[in-house]
Amino acid sequence: IYTHSIPWALHTKEEAKKKKNRYNKNLIGVIIDQLLRDMN
């Protein structure tokens, strides 16, 4: 599983890939992605 696909799933790929949203800690998909990478 590609962790970046989690924000795509929760916020749509179009929204998640916008530059302003890639590190947006207000998006739960981005938070999940980051914490998964933290443990890996």
Full PDB file with SEQRES, HELIX, SHEET, SSBOND, CRYST1, ORIGX, SCALE, CONECT and MASTER records, all heavy atoms in Angstrom:
SEQRES   1 A   40  ILE TYR THR HIS SER ILE PRO TRP ALA LEU HIS THR LYS          
SEQRES   2 A   40  GLU GLU ALA LYS LYS LYS LYS ASN ARG TYR ASN LYS ASN          
SEQRES   3 A   40  LEU ILE GLY VAL ILE ILE ASP GLN LEU LEU ARG ASP MET          
SEQRES   4 A   40  ASN                                                          
HELIX    1 AA1 SER A    5  HIS A   11  1                                   7    
HELIX    2 AA2 LYS A   13  ALA A   16  1                                   4    
HELIX    3 AA3 LYS A   19  ASN A   21  5                                   3    
HELIX    4 AA4 ILE A   28  ASP A   38  1                                  11    
CRYST1    1.000    1.000    1.000  90.00  90.00  90.00 P 1           1          
ORIGX1      1.000000  0.000000  0.000000        0.00000                         
ORIGX2      0.000000  1.000000  0.000000        0.00000                         
ORIGX3      0.000000  0.000000  1.000000        0.00000                         
SCALE1      1.000000  0.000000  0.000000        0.00000                         
SCALE2      0.000000  1.000000  0.000000        0.00000                         
SCALE3      0.000000  0.000000  1.000000        0.00000                         
ATOM      1  N   ILE A   1       0.839  -1.209   0.000  1.00  0.00           N  
ATOM      2  CA  ILE A   1       0.000   0.000   0.000  1.00  0.00           C  
ATOM      3  C   ILE A   1       0.869   1.253   0.000  1.00  0.00           C  
ATOM      4  O   ILE A   1       1.780   1.403   0.806  1.00  0.00           O  
ATOM      5  CB  ILE A   1      -0.960  -0.001   1.208  1.00  0.00           C  
ATOM      6  CG1 ILE A   1      -2.096  -1.004   0.979  1.00  0.00           C  
ATOM      7  CG2 ILE A   1      -1.542   1.392   1.452  1.00  0.00           C  
ATOM      8  CD1 ILE A   1      -3.065  -1.141   2.139  1.00  0.00           C  
ATOM      9  N   TYR A   2       0.583   2.132  -0.918  1.00  0.00           N  
ATOM     10  CA  TYR A   2       1.291   3.409  -1.066  1.00  0.00           C  
ATOM     11  C   TYR A   2       0.644   4.405  -0.107  1.00  0.00           C  
ATOM     12  O   TYR A   2      -0.539   4.728  -0.235  1.00  0.00           O  
ATOM     13  CB  TYR A   2       1.164   3.857  -2.517  1.00  0.00           C  
ATOM     14  CG  TYR A   2       1.868   5.132  -2.900  1.00  0.00           C  
ATOM     15  CD1 TYR A   2       3.205   5.360  -2.570  1.00  0.00           C  
ATOM     16  CD2 TYR A   2       1.195   6.113  -3.636  1.00  0.00           C  
ATOM     17  CE1 TYR A   2       3.847   6.526  -2.947  1.00  0.00           C  
ATOM     18  CE2 TYR A   2       1.837   7.274  -4.030  1.00  0.00           C  
ATOM     19  CZ  TYR A   2       3.157   7.478  -3.672  1.00  0.00           C  
ATOM     20  OH  TYR A   2       3.801   8.642  -4.057  1.00  0.00           O  
ATOM     21  N   THR A   3       1.391   4.869   0.879  1.00  0.00           N  
ATOM     22  CA  THR A   3       0.781   5.682   1.938  1.00  0.00           C  
ATOM     23  C   THR A   3       0.182   6.982   1.410  1.00  0.00           C  
ATOM     24  O   THR A   3      -0.787   7.489   1.977  1.00  0.00           O  
ATOM     25  CB  THR A   3       1.784   5.986   3.062  1.00  0.00           C  
ATOM     26  OG1 THR A   3       2.879   6.761   2.540  1.00  0.00           O  
ATOM     27  CG2 THR A   3       2.327   4.704   3.678  1.00  0.00           C  
ATOM     28  N   HIS A   4       0.740   7.532   0.334  1.00  0.00           N  
ATOM     29  CA  HIS A   4       0.171   8.764  -0.243  1.00  0.00           C  
ATOM     30  C   HIS A   4      -1.227   8.530  -0.815  1.00  0.00           C  
ATOM     31  O   HIS A   4      -1.975   9.498  -1.042  1.00  0.00           O  
ATOM     32  CB  HIS A   4       1.074   9.307  -1.346  1.00  0.00           C  
ATOM     33  CG  HIS A   4       2.362   9.905  -0.842  1.00  0.00           C  
ATOM     34  ND1 HIS A   4       2.552  10.294   0.458  1.00  0.00           N  
ATOM     35  CD2 HIS A   4       3.526  10.196  -1.487  1.00  0.00           C  
ATOM     36  CE1 HIS A   4       3.769  10.782   0.607  1.00  0.00           C  
ATOM     37  NE2 HIS A   4       4.379  10.729  -0.554  1.00  0.00           N  
ATOM     38  N   SER A   5      -1.582   7.263  -1.064  1.00  0.00           N  
ATOM     39  CA  SER A   5      -2.912   6.984  -1.615  1.00  0.00           C  
ATOM     40  C   SER A   5      -4.002   7.125  -0.558  1.00  0.00           C  
ATOM     41  O   SER A   5      -5.188   7.187  -0.891  1.00  0.00           O  
ATOM     42  CB  SER A   5      -2.957   5.577  -2.226  1.00  0.00           C  
ATOM     43  OG  SER A   5      -2.810   4.576  -1.230  1.00  0.00           O  
ATOM     44  N   ILE A   6      -3.616   7.198   0.713  1.00  0.00           N  
ATOM     45  CA  ILE A   6      -4.615   7.363   1.778  1.00  0.00           C  
ATOM     46  C   ILE A   6      -5.267   8.738   1.720  1.00  0.00           C  
ATOM     47  O   ILE A   6      -6.503   8.842   1.731  1.00  0.00           O  
ATOM     48  CB  ILE A   6      -3.990   7.066   3.153  1.00  0.00           C  
ATOM     49  CG1 ILE A   6      -3.564   5.592   3.211  1.00  0.00           C  
ATOM     50  CG2 ILE A   6      -4.967   7.383   4.290  1.00  0.00           C  
ATOM     51  CD1 ILE A   6      -2.632   5.254   4.332  1.00  0.00           C  
ATOM     52  N   PRO A   7      -4.489   9.846   1.613  1.00  0.00           N  
ATOM     53  CA  PRO A   7      -5.155  11.141   1.401  1.00  0.00           C  
ATOM     54  C   PRO A   7      -5.922  11.212   0.088  1.00  0.00           C  
ATOM     55  O   PRO A   7      -6.956  11.883   0.008  1.00  0.00           O  
ATOM     56  CB  PRO A   7      -4.011  12.166   1.455  1.00  0.00           C  
ATOM     57  CG  PRO A   7      -2.741  11.400   1.421  1.00  0.00           C  
ATOM     58  CD  PRO A   7      -3.050  10.016   1.889  1.00  0.00           C  
ATOM     59  N   TRP A   8      -5.467  10.505  -0.952  1.00  0.00           N  
ATOM     60  CA  TRP A   8      -6.242  10.455  -2.195  1.00  0.00           C  
ATOM     61  C   TRP A   8      -7.619   9.855  -1.908  1.00  0.00           C  
ATOM     62  O   TRP A   8      -8.628  10.365  -2.402  1.00  0.00           O  
ATOM     63  CB  TRP A   8      -5.557   9.593  -3.250  1.00  0.00           C  
ATOM     64  CG  TRP A   8      -4.180  10.010  -3.655  1.00  0.00           C  
ATOM     65  CD1 TRP A   8      -3.502  11.136  -3.279  1.00  0.00           C  
ATOM     66  CD2 TRP A   8      -3.303   9.289  -4.521  1.00  0.00           C  
ATOM     67  NE1 TRP A   8      -2.253  11.163  -3.849  1.00  0.00           N  
ATOM     68  CE2 TRP A   8      -2.107  10.044  -4.615  1.00  0.00           C  
ATOM     69  CE3 TRP A   8      -3.392   8.095  -5.219  1.00  0.00           C  
ATOM     70  CZ2 TRP A   8      -1.019   9.627  -5.386  1.00  0.00           C  
ATOM     71  CZ3 TRP A   8      -2.314   7.669  -5.994  1.00  0.00           C  
ATOM     72  CH2 TRP A   8      -1.146   8.439  -6.074  1.00  0.00           C  
ATOM     73  N   ALA A   9      -7.634   8.774  -1.131  1.00  0.00           N  
ATOM     74  CA  ALA A   9      -8.890   8.080  -0.843  1.00  0.00           C  
ATOM     75  C   ALA A   9      -9.839   8.944  -0.025  1.00  0.00           C  
ATOM     76  O   ALA A   9     -11.041   8.994  -0.298  1.00  0.00           O  
ATOM     77  CB  ALA A   9      -8.595   6.778  -0.096  1.00  0.00           C  
ATOM     78  N   LEU A  10      -9.304   9.649   0.971  1.00  0.00           N  
ATOM     79  CA  LEU A  10     -10.159  10.395   1.893  1.00  0.00           C  
ATOM     80  C   LEU A  10     -10.536  11.786   1.395  1.00  0.00           C  
ATOM     81  O   LEU A  10     -11.574  12.322   1.792  1.00  0.00           O  
ATOM     82  CB  LEU A  10      -9.477  10.505   3.259  1.00  0.00           C  
ATOM     83  CG  LEU A  10      -9.293   9.189   4.025  1.00  0.00           C  
ATOM     84  CD1 LEU A  10      -8.602   9.449   5.363  1.00  0.00           C  
ATOM     85  CD2 LEU A  10     -10.634   8.482   4.247  1.00  0.00           C  
ATOM     86  N   HIS A  11      -9.706  12.381   0.526  1.00  0.00           N  
ATOM     87  CA  HIS A  11      -9.951  13.772   0.123  1.00  0.00           C  
ATOM     88  C   HIS A  11     -10.030  13.948  -1.396  1.00  0.00           C  
ATOM     89  O   HIS A  11     -10.148  15.095  -1.853  1.00  0.00           O  
ATOM     90  CB  HIS A  11      -8.838  14.675   0.677  1.00  0.00           C  
ATOM     91  CG  HIS A  11      -8.580  14.492   2.134  1.00  0.00           C  
ATOM     92  ND1 HIS A  11      -9.475  14.891   3.109  1.00  0.00           N  
ATOM     93  CD2 HIS A  11      -7.546  13.926   2.803  1.00  0.00           C  
ATOM     94  CE1 HIS A  11      -8.989  14.599   4.306  1.00  0.00           C  
ATOM     95  NE2 HIS A  11      -7.823  14.002   4.154  1.00  0.00           N  
ATOM     96  N   THR A  12      -9.985  12.867  -2.136  1.00  0.00           N  
ATOM     97  CA  THR A  12      -9.882  12.788  -3.599  1.00  0.00           C  
ATOM     98  C   THR A  12      -8.447  13.100  -4.022  1.00  0.00           C  
ATOM     99  O   THR A  12      -7.763  13.919  -3.400  1.00  0.00           O  
ATOM    100  CB  THR A  12     -10.853  13.710  -4.366  1.00  0.00           C  
ATOM    101  OG1 THR A  12     -10.395  15.076  -4.296  1.00  0.00           O  
ATOM    102  CG2 THR A  12     -12.273  13.585  -3.837  1.00  0.00           C  
ATOM    103  N   LYS A  13      -8.023  12.445  -5.070  1.00  0.00           N  
ATOM    104  CA  LYS A  13      -6.643  12.594  -5.543  1.00  0.00           C  
ATOM    105  C   LYS A  13      -6.375  14.034  -5.989  1.00  0.00           C  
ATOM    106  O   LYS A  13      -5.290  14.586  -5.741  1.00  0.00           O  
ATOM    107  CB  LYS A  13      -6.379  11.615  -6.691  1.00  0.00           C  
ATOM    108  CG  LYS A  13      -4.932  11.558  -7.144  1.00  0.00           C  
ATOM    109  CD  LYS A  13      -4.735  10.447  -8.180  1.00  0.00           C  
ATOM    110  CE  LYS A  13      -3.286  10.331  -8.595  1.00  0.00           C  
ATOM    111  NZ  LYS A  13      -3.085   9.243  -9.589  1.00  0.00           N  
ATOM    112  N   GLU A  14      -7.366  14.630  -6.623  1.00  0.00           N  
ATOM    113  CA  GLU A  14      -7.207  15.999  -7.122  1.00  0.00           C  
ATOM    114  C   GLU A  14      -6.915  16.974  -5.985  1.00  0.00           C  
ATOM    115  O   GLU A  14      -5.998  17.805  -6.073  1.00  0.00           O  
ATOM    116  CB  GLU A  14      -8.476  16.420  -7.871  1.00  0.00           C  
ATOM    117  CG  GLU A  14      -8.389  17.820  -8.481  1.00  0.00           C  
ATOM    118  CD  GLU A  14      -9.678  18.228  -9.168  1.00  0.00           C  
ATOM    119  OE1 GLU A  14     -10.722  17.579  -8.938  1.00  0.00           O  
ATOM    120  OE2 GLU A  14      -9.638  19.218  -9.936  1.00  0.00           O  
ATOM    121  N   GLU A  15      -7.672  16.869  -4.897  1.00  0.00           N  
ATOM    122  CA  GLU A  15      -7.469  17.767  -3.756  1.00  0.00           C  
ATOM    123  C   GLU A  15      -6.168  17.464  -3.014  1.00  0.00           C  
ATOM    124  O   GLU A  15      -5.418  18.370  -2.645  1.00  0.00           O  
ATOM    125  CB  GLU A  15      -8.651  17.655  -2.781  1.00  0.00           C  
ATOM    126  CG  GLU A  15      -9.893  18.386  -3.223  1.00  0.00           C  
ATOM    127  CD  GLU A  15      -9.671  19.892  -3.352  1.00  0.00           C  
ATOM    128  OE1 GLU A  15      -9.111  20.503  -2.416  1.00  0.00           O  
ATOM    129  OE2 GLU A  15     -10.058  20.453  -4.397  1.00  0.00           O  
ATOM    130  N   ALA A  16      -5.903  16.185  -2.811  1.00  0.00           N  
ATOM    131  CA  ALA A  16      -4.726  15.791  -2.031  1.00  0.00           C  
ATOM    132  C   ALA A  16      -3.422  16.171  -2.712  1.00  0.00           C  
ATOM    133  O   ALA A  16      -2.422  16.462  -2.049  1.00  0.00           O  
ATOM    134  CB  ALA A  16      -4.763  14.285  -1.771  1.00  0.00           C  
ATOM    135  N   LYS A  17      -3.418  16.203  -4.046  1.00  0.00           N  
ATOM    136  CA  LYS A  17      -2.178  16.494  -4.764  1.00  0.00           C  
ATOM    137  C   LYS A  17      -1.949  17.985  -4.993  1.00  0.00           C  
ATOM    138  O   LYS A  17      -0.901  18.367  -5.526  1.00  0.00           O  
ATOM    139  CB  LYS A  17      -2.168  15.739  -6.109  1.00  0.00           C  
ATOM    140  CG  LYS A  17      -1.943  14.236  -5.940  1.00  0.00           C  
ATOM    141  CD  LYS A  17      -1.836  13.521  -7.272  1.00  0.00           C  
ATOM    142  CE  LYS A  17      -0.503  13.783  -7.961  1.00  0.00           C  
ATOM    143  NZ  LYS A  17       0.629  13.171  -7.241  1.00  0.00           N  
ATOM    144  N   LYS A  18      -2.907  18.803  -4.602  1.00  0.00           N  
ATOM    145  CA  LYS A  18      -2.675  20.243  -4.691  1.00  0.00           C  
ATOM    146  C   LYS A  18      -1.510  20.626  -3.789  1.00  0.00           C  
ATOM    147  O   LYS A  18      -1.383  20.111  -2.680  1.00  0.00           O  
ATOM    148  CB  LYS A  18      -3.938  21.019  -4.281  1.00  0.00           C  
ATOM    149  CG  LYS A  18      -5.055  20.957  -5.308  1.00  0.00           C  
ATOM    150  CD  LYS A  18      -6.263  21.748  -4.840  1.00  0.00           C  
ATOM    151  CE  LYS A  18      -7.376  21.727  -5.888  1.00  0.00           C  
ATOM    152  NZ  LYS A  18      -8.575  22.460  -5.427  1.00  0.00           N  
ATOM    153  N   LYS A  19      -0.676  21.525  -4.270  1.00  0.00           N  
ATOM    154  CA  LYS A  19       0.544  21.877  -3.535  1.00  0.00           C  
ATOM    155  C   LYS A  19       0.241  22.325  -2.105  1.00  0.00           C  
ATOM    156  O   LYS A  19       0.935  21.969  -1.156  1.00  0.00           O  
ATOM    157  CB  LYS A  19       1.289  22.979  -4.287  1.00  0.00           C  
ATOM    158  CG  LYS A  19       2.693  23.231  -3.775  1.00  0.00           C  
ATOM    159  CD  LYS A  19       3.441  24.194  -4.676  1.00  0.00           C  
ATOM    160  CE  LYS A  19       4.856  24.392  -4.172  1.00  0.00           C  
ATOM    161  NZ  LYS A  19       5.624  25.321  -5.056  1.00  0.00           N  
ATOM    162  N   LYS A  20      -0.842  23.076  -1.928  1.00  0.00           N  
ATOM    163  CA  LYS A  20      -1.179  23.605  -0.608  1.00  0.00           C  
ATOM    164  C   LYS A  20      -1.637  22.514   0.360  1.00  0.00           C  
ATOM    165  O   LYS A  20      -1.642  22.713   1.575  1.00  0.00           O  
ATOM    166  CB  LYS A  20      -2.270  24.667  -0.734  1.00  0.00           C  
ATOM    167  CG  LYS A  20      -3.615  24.117  -1.213  1.00  0.00           C  
ATOM    168  CD  LYS A  20      -4.679  25.205  -1.233  1.00  0.00           C  
ATOM    169  CE  LYS A  20      -6.029  24.633  -1.657  1.00  0.00           C  
ATOM    170  NZ  LYS A  20      -7.096  25.651  -1.638  1.00  0.00           N  
ATOM    171  N   ASN A  21      -2.024  21.357  -0.188  1.00  0.00           N  
ATOM    172  CA  ASN A  21      -2.566  20.288   0.662  1.00  0.00           C  
ATOM    173  C   ASN A  21      -1.591  19.148   0.950  1.00  0.00           C  
ATOM    174  O   ASN A  21      -1.872  18.286   1.790  1.00  0.00           O  
ATOM    175  CB  ASN A  21      -3.830  19.696   0.016  1.00  0.00           C  
ATOM    176  CG  ASN A  21      -5.014  20.629   0.125  1.00  0.00           C  
ATOM    177  OD1 ASN A  21      -5.099  21.435   1.052  1.00  0.00           O  
ATOM    178  ND2 ASN A  21      -5.929  20.537  -0.831  1.00  0.00           N  
ATOM    179  N   ARG A  22      -0.444  19.136   0.268  1.00  0.00           N  
ATOM    180  CA  ARG A  22       0.463  17.994   0.407  1.00  0.00           C  
ATOM    181  C   ARG A  22       0.989  17.821   1.828  1.00  0.00           C  
ATOM    182  O   ARG A  22       1.261  16.705   2.269  1.00  0.00           O  
ATOM    183  CB  ARG A  22       1.635  18.143  -0.574  1.00  0.00           C  
ATOM    184  CG  ARG A  22       1.212  17.970  -2.029  1.00  0.00           C  
ATOM    185  CD  ARG A  22       2.351  18.240  -2.981  1.00  0.00           C  
ATOM    186  NE  ARG A  22       1.880  18.292  -4.362  1.00  0.00           N  
ATOM    187  CZ  ARG A  22       2.627  18.648  -5.395  1.00  0.00           C  
ATOM    188  NH1 ARG A  22       3.904  18.975  -5.202  1.00  0.00           N  
ATOM    189  NH2 ARG A  22       2.125  18.676  -6.608  1.00  0.00           N  
ATOM    190  N   TYR A  23       1.134  18.921   2.540  1.00  0.00           N  
ATOM    191  CA  TYR A  23       1.620  18.850   3.927  1.00  0.00           C  
ATOM    192  C   TYR A  23       0.631  19.532   4.877  1.00  0.00           C  
ATOM    193  O   TYR A  23       1.002  19.986   5.950  1.00  0.00           O  
ATOM    194  CB  TYR A  23       3.002  19.510   4.035  1.00  0.00           C  
ATOM    195  CG  TYR A  23       4.018  18.915   3.091  1.00  0.00           C  
ATOM    196  CD1 TYR A  23       4.326  19.534   1.881  1.00  0.00           C  
ATOM    197  CD2 TYR A  23       4.652  17.712   3.405  1.00  0.00           C  
ATOM    198  CE1 TYR A  23       5.246  18.961   1.014  1.00  0.00           C  
ATOM    199  CE2 TYR A  23       5.570  17.147   2.548  1.00  0.00           C  
ATOM    200  CZ  TYR A  23       5.860  17.779   1.350  1.00  0.00           C  
ATOM    201  OH  TYR A  23       6.774  17.219   0.489  1.00  0.00           O  
ATOM    202  N   ASN A  24      -0.638  19.545   4.472  1.00  0.00           N  
ATOM    203  CA  ASN A  24      -1.669  20.218   5.247  1.00  0.00           C  
ATOM    204  C   ASN A  24      -2.100  19.357   6.429  1.00  0.00           C  
ATOM    205  O   ASN A  24      -2.829  18.371   6.276  1.00  0.00           O  
ATOM    206  CB  ASN A  24      -2.867  20.532   4.350  1.00  0.00           C  
ATOM    207  CG  ASN A  24      -3.926  21.349   5.052  1.00  0.00           C  
ATOM    208  OD1 ASN A  24      -3.884  21.565   6.269  1.00  0.00           O  
ATOM    209  ND2 ASN A  24      -4.900  21.829   4.286  1.00  0.00           N  
ATOM    210  N   LYS A  25      -1.663  19.713   7.628  1.00  0.00           N  
ATOM    211  CA  LYS A  25      -1.960  18.918   8.816  1.00  0.00           C  
ATOM    212  C   LYS A  25      -3.413  19.058   9.283  1.00  0.00           C  
ATOM    213  O   LYS A  25      -3.798  18.460  10.293  1.00  0.00           O  
ATOM    214  CB  LYS A  25      -1.012  19.319   9.950  1.00  0.00           C  
ATOM    215  CG  LYS A  25       0.437  18.927   9.706  1.00  0.00           C  
ATOM    216  CD  LYS A  25       0.581  17.408   9.597  1.00  0.00           C  
ATOM    217  CE  LYS A  25       2.032  16.990   9.381  1.00  0.00           C  
ATOM    218  NZ  LYS A  25       2.872  17.227  10.541  1.00  0.00           N  
ATOM    219  N   ASN A  26      -4.194  19.815   8.535  1.00  0.00           N  
ATOM    220  CA  ASN A  26      -5.626  19.883   8.835  1.00  0.00           C  
ATOM    221  C   ASN A  26      -6.399  18.769   8.125  1.00  0.00           C  
ATOM    222  O   ASN A  26      -7.595  18.600   8.355  1.00  0.00           O  
ATOM    223  CB  ASN A  26      -6.202  21.243   8.416  1.00  0.00           C  
ATOM    224  CG  ASN A  26      -5.679  22.365   9.297  1.00  0.00           C  
ATOM    225  OD1 ASN A  26      -5.607  22.211  10.509  1.00  0.00           O  
ATOM    226  ND2 ASN A  26      -5.299  23.481   8.686  1.00  0.00           N  
ATOM    227  N   LEU A  27      -5.702  18.040   7.230  1.00  0.00           N  
ATOM    228  CA  LEU A  27      -6.329  16.946   6.501  1.00  0.00           C  
ATOM    229  C   LEU A  27      -5.972  15.623   7.167  1.00  0.00           C  
ATOM    230  O   LEU A  27      -4.789  15.285   7.294  1.00  0.00           O  
ATOM    231  CB  LEU A  27      -5.872  16.936   5.037  1.00  0.00           C  
ATOM    232  CG  LEU A  27      -6.207  18.171   4.200  1.00  0.00           C  
ATOM    233  CD1 LEU A  27      -5.685  18.002   2.775  1.00  0.00           C  
ATOM    234  CD2 LEU A  27      -7.713  18.423   4.187  1.00  0.00           C  
ATOM    235  N   ILE A  28      -6.964  14.853   7.591  1.00  0.00           N  
ATOM    236  CA  ILE A  28      -6.704  13.609   8.308  1.00  0.00           C  
ATOM    237  C   ILE A  28      -5.927  12.617   7.449  1.00  0.00           C  
ATOM    238  O   ILE A  28      -5.089  11.851   7.956  1.00  0.00           O  
ATOM    239  CB  ILE A  28      -8.027  12.989   8.834  1.00  0.00           C  
ATOM    240  CG1 ILE A  28      -7.730  11.714   9.631  1.00  0.00           C  
ATOM    241  CG2 ILE A  28      -8.998  12.726   7.705  1.00  0.00           C  
ATOM    242  CD1 ILE A  28      -6.793  11.885  10.806  1.00  0.00           C  
ATOM    243  N   GLY A  29      -6.161  12.625   6.140  1.00  0.00           N  
ATOM    244  CA  GLY A  29      -5.411  11.726   5.258  1.00  0.00           C  
ATOM    245  C   GLY A  29      -3.921  12.022   5.278  1.00  0.00           C  
ATOM    246  O   GLY A  29      -3.089  11.105   5.267  1.00  0.00           O  
ATOM    247  N   VAL A  30      -3.576  13.292   5.326  1.00  0.00           N  
ATOM    248  CA  VAL A  30      -2.168  13.704   5.390  1.00  0.00           C  
ATOM    249  C   VAL A  30      -1.564  13.296   6.738  1.00  0.00           C  
ATOM    250  O   VAL A  30      -0.409  12.832   6.805  1.00  0.00           O  
ATOM    251  CB  VAL A  30      -2.042  15.227   5.174  1.00  0.00           C  
ATOM    252  CG1 VAL A  30      -0.601  15.691   5.391  1.00  0.00           C  
ATOM    253  CG2 VAL A  30      -2.512  15.607   3.772  1.00  0.00           C  
ATOM    254  N   ILE A  31      -2.318  13.448   7.800  1.00  0.00           N  
ATOM    255  CA  ILE A  31      -1.840  13.057   9.131  1.00  0.00           C  
ATOM    256  C   ILE A  31      -1.566  11.558   9.182  1.00  0.00           C  
ATOM    257  O   ILE A  31      -0.515  11.115   9.674  1.00  0.00           O  
ATOM    258  CB  ILE A  31      -2.871  13.440  10.214  1.00  0.00           C  
ATOM    259  CG1 ILE A  31      -3.020  14.966  10.292  1.00  0.00           C  
ATOM    260  CG2 ILE A  31      -2.471  12.881  11.570  1.00  0.00           C  
ATOM    261  CD1 ILE A  31      -4.175  15.418  11.171  1.00  0.00           C  
ATOM    262  N   ILE A  32      -2.496  10.753   8.663  1.00  0.00           N  
ATOM    263  CA  ILE A  32      -2.314   9.300   8.649  1.00  0.00           C  
ATOM    264  C   ILE A  32      -1.080   8.934   7.839  1.00  0.00           C  
ATOM    265  O   ILE A  32      -0.237   8.129   8.273  1.00  0.00           O  
ATOM    266  CB  ILE A  32      -3.564   8.598   8.082  1.00  0.00           C  
ATOM    267  CG1 ILE A  32      -4.771   8.820   8.990  1.00  0.00           C  
ATOM    268  CG2 ILE A  32      -3.306   7.105   7.900  1.00  0.00           C  
ATOM    269  CD1 ILE A  32      -6.090   8.339   8.390  1.00  0.00           C  
ATOM    270  N   ASP A  33      -0.946   9.531   6.660  1.00  0.00           N  
ATOM    271  CA  ASP A  33       0.197   9.290   5.781  1.00  0.00           C  
ATOM    272  C   ASP A  33       1.502   9.571   6.523  1.00  0.00           C  
ATOM    273  O   ASP A  33       2.437   8.760   6.516  1.00  0.00           O  
ATOM    274  CB  ASP A  33       0.053  10.179   4.543  1.00  0.00           C  
ATOM    275  CG  ASP A  33       1.197  10.020   3.537  1.00  0.00           C  
ATOM    276  OD1 ASP A  33       2.001   9.079   3.692  1.00  0.00           O  
ATOM    277  OD2 ASP A  33       1.279  10.846   2.616  1.00  0.00           O  
ATOM    278  N   GLN A  34       1.583  10.714   7.198  1.00  0.00           N  
ATOM    279  CA  GLN A  34       2.810  11.103   7.893  1.00  0.00           C  
ATOM    280  C   GLN A  34       3.133  10.150   9.048  1.00  0.00           C  
ATOM    281  O   GLN A  34       4.277   9.729   9.215  1.00  0.00           O  
ATOM    282  CB  GLN A  34       2.691  12.528   8.426  1.00  0.00           C  
ATOM    283  CG  GLN A  34       3.943  13.035   9.148  1.00  0.00           C  
ATOM    284  CD  GLN A  34       5.166  13.040   8.251  1.00  0.00           C  
ATOM    285  OE1 GLN A  34       5.173  13.710   7.221  1.00  0.00           O  
ATOM    286  NE2 GLN A  34       6.193  12.278   8.628  1.00  0.00           N  
ATOM    287  N   LEU A  35       2.129   9.791   9.831  1.00  0.00           N  
ATOM    288  CA  LEU A  35       2.382   8.909  10.971  1.00  0.00           C  
ATOM    289  C   LEU A  35       2.772   7.505  10.524  1.00  0.00           C  
ATOM    290  O   LEU A  35       3.571   6.832  11.185  1.00  0.00           O  
ATOM    291  CB  LEU A  35       1.160   8.867  11.887  1.00  0.00           C  
ATOM    292  CG  LEU A  35       0.928  10.142  12.710  1.00  0.00           C  
ATOM    293  CD1 LEU A  35      -0.411  10.098  13.430  1.00  0.00           C  
ATOM    294  CD2 LEU A  35       2.059  10.354  13.723  1.00  0.00           C  
ATOM    295  N   LEU A  36       2.226   7.060   9.401  1.00  0.00           N  
ATOM    296  CA  LEU A  36       2.638   5.765   8.855  1.00  0.00           C  
ATOM    297  C   LEU A  36       4.094   5.804   8.404  1.00  0.00           C  
ATOM    298  O   LEU A  36       4.850   4.842   8.605  1.00  0.00           O  
ATOM    299  CB  LEU A  36       1.736   5.366   7.678  1.00  0.00           C  
ATOM    300  CG  LEU A  36       0.311   4.944   8.039  1.00  0.00           C  
ATOM    301  CD1 LEU A  36      -0.531   4.782   6.784  1.00  0.00           C  
ATOM    302  CD2 LEU A  36       0.308   3.644   8.836  1.00  0.00           C  
ATOM    303  N   ARG A  37       4.504   6.915   7.813  1.00  0.00           N  
ATOM    304  CA  ARG A  37       5.910   7.046   7.399  1.00  0.00           C  
ATOM    305  C   ARG A  37       6.826   7.203   8.606  1.00  0.00           C  
ATOM    306  O   ARG A  37       7.964   6.746   8.596  1.00  0.00           O  
ATOM    307  CB  ARG A  37       6.056   8.217   6.426  1.00  0.00           C  
ATOM    308  CG  ARG A  37       5.511   7.894   5.036  1.00  0.00           C  
ATOM    309  CD  ARG A  37       5.708   9.010   4.050  1.00  0.00           C  
ATOM    310  NE  ARG A  37       4.762  10.091   4.238  1.00  0.00           N  
ATOM    311  CZ  ARG A  37       5.079  11.370   4.328  1.00  0.00           C  
ATOM    312  NH1 ARG A  37       6.350  11.747   4.271  1.00  0.00           N  
ATOM    313  NH2 ARG A  37       4.145  12.283   4.477  1.00  0.00           N  
ATOM    314  N   ASP A  38       6.308   7.826   9.661  1.00  0.00           N  
ATOM    315  CA  ASP A  38       7.108   7.967  10.886  1.00  0.00           C  
ATOM    316  C   ASP A  38       7.482   6.605  11.470  1.00  0.00           C  
ATOM    317  O   ASP A  38       8.572   6.430  12.007  1.00  0.00           O  
ATOM    318  CB  ASP A  38       6.331   8.761  11.942  1.00  0.00           C  
ATOM    319  CG  ASP A  38       6.353  10.267  11.680  1.00  0.00           C  
ATOM    320  OD1 ASP A  38       7.140  10.709  10.825  1.00  0.00           O  
ATOM    321  OD2 ASP A  38       5.576  10.993  12.333  1.00  0.00           O  
ATOM    322  N   MET A  39       6.572   5.659  11.377  1.00  0.00           N  
ATOM    323  CA  MET A  39       6.849   4.342  11.968  1.00  0.00           C  
ATOM    324  C   MET A  39       7.616   3.430  11.019  1.00  0.00           C  
ATOM    325  O   MET A  39       7.981   2.313  11.374  1.00  0.00           O  
ATOM    326  CB  MET A  39       5.529   3.674  12.387  1.00  0.00           C  
ATOM    327  CG  MET A  39       4.603   3.308  11.240  1.00  0.00           C  
ATOM    328  SD  MET A  39       3.095   2.407  11.774  1.00  0.00           S  
ATOM    329  CE  MET A  39       2.173   3.665  12.619  1.00  0.00           C  
ATOM    330  N   ASN A  40       7.889   3.921   9.796  1.00  0.00           N  
ATOM    331  CA  ASN A  40       8.497   3.067   8.770  1.00  0.00           C  
ATOM    332  C   ASN A  40       9.727   3.710   8.149  1.00  0.00           C  
ATOM    333  O   ASN A  40       9.982   3.536   6.957  1.00  0.00           O  
ATOM    334  CB  ASN A  40       7.450   2.738   7.692  1.00  0.00           C  
ATOM    335  CG  ASN A  40       7.832   1.541   6.847  1.00  0.00           C  
ATOM    336  OD1 ASN A  40       8.573   0.666   7.271  1.00  0.00           O  
ATOM    337  ND2 ASN A  40       7.327   1.515   5.627  1.00  0.00           N  
TER     338      ASN A  40                                                      
MASTER        0    0    0    4    0    0    0    6  337    1    0    4          
END                                                                             
